[in-house]
Amino acid sequence: MSEIHEPEAVEIASDRLTLIAAEVGDVLELLPDQTIRAAGGWIFFYNTQSFARSGNPLDGLAGNGPLYVTRWGVLHELGTALPWLEAIEALGASR
């Protein structure tokens, strides 16, 4: 499997976010200014469109962990039980 670039990772994360939005019944957006470029891929944070516009925590989701897309295009939904860095390290240990 070949490595992907950031635009492809954004597309993978956006596709998953569309499905999550349908599940929660709200309009969701990636928060590009919070994207983290890690050695193994990209960590994408997201929230409601209302929160992205207002910044008001009352408009936001609760319990939404970031999406991690590896450089090989594999998507992982990170939970909130661990900080994102620990969650990624745990993924590596589980392989």
Protein backbone atom coordinates (compact mmCIF):
# COMPACT_ATOMS: atom_id res chain seq x y z
CA MET A 1 0.00 0.00 0.00
CA SER A 2 1.40 3.40 -0.93
CA GLU A 3 1.49 6.47 1.23
CA ILE A 4 -1.16 9.15 0.83
CA HIS A 5 -0.86 12.92 1.11
CA GLU A 6 -2.79 15.32 3.29
CA PRO A 7 -5.54 16.14 0.74
CA GLU A 8 -6.42 12.44 0.51
CA ALA A 9 -6.39 12.17 4.30
CA VAL A 10 -8.77 15.14 4.52
CA GLU A 11 -11.10 13.41 2.05
CA ILE A 12 -11.06 10.17 4.07
CA ALA A 13 -11.80 12.06 7.30
CA SER A 14 -14.53 14.15 5.61
CA ASP A 15 -16.24 11.03 4.25
CA ARG A 16 -16.35 9.50 7.72
CA LEU A 17 -17.53 12.79 9.21
CA THR A 18 -20.49 12.76 6.80
CA LEU A 19 -21.54 9.40 8.24
CA ILE A 20 -21.06 10.57 11.83
CA ALA A 21 -23.15 13.68 11.09
CA ALA A 22 -26.00 11.49 9.85
CA GLU A 23 -25.75 9.40 13.04
CA VAL A 24 -25.88 12.41 15.37
CA GLY A 25 -28.34 14.41 13.28
CA ASP A 26 -26.26 17.57 13.06
CA VAL A 27 -24.00 19.37 10.59
CA LEU A 28 -20.37 18.65 11.48
CA GLU A 29 -17.14 20.23 10.30
CA LEU A 30 -13.48 19.39 10.46
CA LEU A 31 -11.57 22.05 12.38
CA PRO A 32 -8.58 22.58 10.05
CA ASP A 33 -6.76 24.94 12.39
CA GLN A 34 -6.62 22.12 14.95
CA THR A 35 -5.32 19.41 12.58
CA ILE A 36 -2.15 17.80 13.84
CA ARG A 37 0.42 16.48 11.40
CA ALA A 38 2.00 13.52 13.16
CA ALA A 39 4.78 11.21 11.99
CA GLY A 40 2.30 8.43 11.25
CA GLY A 41 -0.50 10.50 9.74
CA TRP A 42 -2.97 13.24 10.54
CA ILE A 43 -5.22 13.82 13.53
CA PHE A 44 -8.44 15.62 12.58
CA PHE A 45 -10.63 17.26 15.18
CA TYR A 46 -14.24 18.08 14.43
CA ASN A 47 -17.33 19.63 15.96
CA THR A 48 -20.70 21.02 14.99
CA GLN A 49 -20.92 23.74 12.40
CA SER A 50 -22.55 25.93 15.05
CA PHE A 51 -19.55 25.50 17.35
CA ALA A 52 -17.10 26.14 14.50
CA ARG A 53 -18.85 29.47 13.84
CA SER A 54 -19.55 30.62 17.41
CA GLY A 55 -16.86 28.97 19.52
CA ASN A 56 -19.54 28.58 22.19
CA PRO A 57 -19.11 25.24 24.03
CA LEU A 58 -22.90 25.02 24.39
CA ASP A 59 -23.06 24.62 20.59
CA GLY A 60 -20.53 21.78 20.55
CA LEU A 61 -20.54 18.03 20.75
CA ALA A 62 -19.50 16.18 23.88
CA GLY A 63 -17.41 13.04 23.77
CA ASN A 64 -16.27 13.29 20.17
CA GLY A 65 -12.76 11.93 19.78
CA PRO A 66 -10.61 12.92 16.81
CA LEU A 67 -10.18 11.00 13.58
CA TYR A 68 -6.73 9.63 12.84
CA VAL A 69 -5.83 8.88 9.23
CA THR A 70 -2.53 7.08 8.79
CA ARG A 71 -0.10 7.81 5.97
CA TRP A 72 -1.39 4.59 4.38
CA GLY A 73 -5.01 5.80 4.37
CA VAL A 74 -6.31 3.78 7.31
CA LEU A 75 -8.92 5.61 9.39
CA HIS A 76 -9.18 5.21 13.15
CA GLU A 77 -11.78 6.90 15.32
CA LEU A 78 -9.96 7.79 18.52
CA GLY A 79 -12.01 7.70 21.67
CA THR A 80 -11.91 10.13 24.53
CA ALA A 81 -10.80 7.72 27.25
CA LEU A 82 -7.15 8.45 26.43
CA PRO A 83 -5.38 11.56 25.15
CA TRP A 84 -4.97 11.29 21.37
CA LEU A 85 -1.22 10.64 21.57
CA GLU A 86 -1.70 7.71 23.96
CA ALA A 87 -4.52 6.37 21.78
CA ILE A 88 -2.23 6.38 18.73
CA GLU A 89 0.53 4.69 20.71
CA ALA A 90 -1.98 2.03 21.82
CA LEU A 91 -2.91 1.43 18.17
CA GLY A 92 0.72 0.74 17.37
CA ALA A 93 1.01 -1.67 20.28
CA SER A 94 -2.08 -3.58 19.17
CA ARG A 95 -0.68 -4.43 15.74
